[in-house]
């Protein structure tokens, strides 16, 4: 069953001095201010497209890794994923670093690394962002 999720942005003004609000319509969990300075400089309490992509990627990756590990008979106790999305004005998104730490009883470091790489390759958000260099740092916690 396919699902569609919706977000809406209302923008006022030009790029450099304008601002907007992005609302997460499907979930209704909130609306967030966005502006060029929050994207290209300091966040200053506002979000950016890159932060929203980081949120999507870190949650999707955590789900994909958890699913893969459970399917292999080694369900994780915990998975924590941080996504760092780098934006360069004039170039766009230049890279993403996924840093995952997981506690997975009964798994070797080598098997965990293979599962982590598989999740990176097969996470739907990773696939959608295939034009961007995605780096993975995976750590198996004791």
Protein backbone atom coordinates (compact mmCIF):
# COMPACT_ATOMS: atom_id res chain seq x y z
CA UNK A 1 0.00 0.00 0.00
CA UNK A 2 1.56 3.29 -1.09
CA UNK A 3 1.47 6.31 1.18
CA UNK A 4 1.91 9.98 0.43
CA UNK A 5 3.10 12.51 2.98
CA UNK A 6 2.65 16.24 2.57
CA UNK A 7 4.46 19.35 3.76
CA UNK A 8 3.71 22.92 2.69
CA UNK A 9 5.93 26.01 2.73
CA UNK A 10 4.60 29.56 2.68
CA UNK A 11 7.37 31.97 1.60
CA UNK A 12 7.31 35.77 1.63
CA UNK A 13 9.86 38.03 0.00
CA UNK A 14 13.02 37.44 -1.99
CA UNK A 15 15.52 34.69 -1.20
CA UNK A 16 18.06 36.69 0.78
CA UNK A 17 15.72 38.80 2.91
CA UNK A 18 12.56 36.71 2.82
CA UNK A 19 11.39 34.00 5.15
CA UNK A 20 8.85 31.27 5.35
CA UNK A 21 7.14 28.62 7.37
CA UNK A 22 7.14 24.93 6.54
CA UNK A 23 4.30 22.90 7.99
CA UNK A 24 4.27 19.14 8.33
CA UNK A 25 0.74 18.65 7.07
CA UNK A 26 0.35 14.89 7.14
CA UNK A 27 1.32 14.45 10.76
CA UNK A 28 0.29 17.87 11.99
CA UNK A 29 3.19 17.86 14.42
CA UNK A 30 4.22 21.41 13.74
CA UNK A 31 5.24 24.35 11.65
CA UNK A 32 8.80 25.60 11.48
CA UNK A 33 10.34 28.89 10.38
CA UNK A 34 12.87 28.83 7.55
CA UNK A 35 15.06 31.51 5.95
CA UNK A 36 18.15 31.87 3.79
CA UNK A 37 20.38 32.84 6.73
CA UNK A 38 19.20 29.77 8.65
CA UNK A 39 20.20 27.68 5.64
CA UNK A 40 23.50 29.27 4.64
CA UNK A 41 24.74 30.62 7.99
CA UNK A 42 23.67 29.94 11.60
CA UNK A 43 20.36 28.21 12.34
CA UNK A 44 19.25 30.83 14.89
CA UNK A 45 16.18 28.88 15.91
CA UNK A 46 14.97 28.20 12.36
CA UNK A 47 15.19 25.08 10.23
CA UNK A 48 16.42 24.48 6.70
CA UNK A 49 15.75 22.02 3.88
CA UNK A 50 19.00 20.29 4.80
CA UNK A 51 17.97 19.80 8.43
CA UNK A 52 14.67 18.33 7.25
CA UNK A 53 16.58 16.00 4.90
CA UNK A 54 18.85 15.01 7.80
CA UNK A 55 15.80 14.16 9.90
CA UNK A 56 14.31 12.08 7.10
CA UNK A 57 17.58 10.29 6.39
CA UNK A 58 18.48 9.49 10.00
CA UNK A 59 15.03 8.08 10.75
CA UNK A 60 14.82 6.08 7.51
CA UNK A 61 18.31 4.65 7.99
CA UNK A 62 17.57 3.64 11.59
CA UNK A 63 14.43 1.83 10.42
CA UNK A 64 16.25 0.08 7.56
CA UNK A 65 19.11 -1.08 9.79
CA UNK A 66 16.74 -2.27 12.51
CA UNK A 67 14.69 -4.19 9.95
CA UNK A 68 17.75 -5.82 8.37
CA UNK A 69 19.21 -6.84 11.71
CA UNK A 70 15.92 -8.30 12.94
CA UNK A 71 15.46 -10.18 9.67
CA UNK A 72 18.89 -11.75 10.15
CA UNK A 73 17.91 -12.96 13.62
CA UNK A 74 19.83 -10.29 15.54
CA UNK A 75 17.32 -7.59 16.47
CA UNK A 76 18.96 -4.47 17.91
CA UNK A 77 18.33 -3.24 21.42
CA UNK A 78 18.99 0.30 20.21
CA UNK A 79 20.01 2.20 17.09
CA UNK A 80 21.02 5.88 17.14
CA UNK A 81 21.68 7.56 13.81
CA UNK A 82 22.90 11.09 13.22
CA UNK A 83 22.79 12.53 9.70
CA UNK A 84 24.96 15.53 8.87
CA UNK A 85 23.90 17.14 5.59
CA UNK A 86 26.35 19.69 4.19
CA UNK A 87 25.04 22.58 2.09
CA UNK A 88 27.39 24.80 0.09
CA UNK A 89 25.75 27.98 -1.29
CA UNK A 90 26.14 28.02 -5.05
CA UNK A 91 26.72 24.25 -5.19
CA UNK A 92 23.92 22.65 -3.19
CA UNK A 93 24.10 19.60 -0.98
CA UNK A 94 27.67 18.36 -1.21
CA UNK A 95 27.61 15.39 1.14
CA UNK A 96 25.89 13.46 3.88
CA UNK A 97 27.55 11.65 6.77
CA UNK A 98 25.53 9.00 8.57
CA UNK A 99 26.90 8.12 12.01
CA UNK A 100 25.24 5.14 13.62
CA UNK A 101 25.77 3.58 17.02
CA UNK A 102 23.89 0.41 17.81
CA UNK A 103 23.65 -2.14 20.57
CA UNK A 104 23.04 -5.52 18.96
CA UNK A 105 23.49 -8.57 21.18
CA UNK A 106 25.01 -11.67 19.59
CA UNK A 107 26.50 -10.05 16.48
CA UNK A 108 30.11 -9.68 15.38
CA UNK A 109 31.58 -6.36 14.29
CA UNK A 110 31.99 -7.68 10.74
CA UNK A 111 28.37 -8.80 10.43
CA UNK A 112 27.21 -5.50 11.91
CA UNK A 113 29.31 -3.52 9.43
CA UNK A 114 27.83 -5.49 6.53
CA UNK A 115 24.29 -4.87 7.81
CA UNK A 116 25.05 -1.17 8.28
CA UNK A 117 26.37 -0.86 4.72
CA UNK A 118 23.37 -2.76 3.34
CA UNK A 119 20.98 -0.42 5.16
CA UNK A 120 22.85 2.58 3.72
CA UNK A 121 22.50 1.19 0.20
CA UNK A 122 18.86 0.19 0.55
CA UNK A 123 17.27 2.82 2.78
CA UNK A 124 14.63 4.53 0.58
CA UNK A 125 15.94 8.00 1.49
CA UNK A 126 19.51 6.96 0.59
CA UNK A 127 18.19 5.78 -2.76
CA UNK A 128 16.35 9.08 -3.29
CA UNK A 129 19.57 10.96 -2.52
CA UNK A 130 21.74 8.79 -4.77
CA UNK A 131 23.24 11.85 -6.47
CA UNK A 132 24.93 12.88 -3.21
CA UNK A 133 28.05 11.32 -1.68
CA UNK A 134 26.86 9.47 1.44
CA UNK A 135 29.48 8.36 3.98
CA UNK A 136 28.78 5.89 6.78
CA UNK A 137 30.41 5.64 10.20
CA UNK A 138 29.10 2.58 12.05
CA UNK A 139 29.90 1.68 15.65
CA UNK A 140 28.77 -1.46 17.42
CA UNK A 141 28.31 -0.72 21.12
CA UNK A 142 29.24 -3.30 23.73
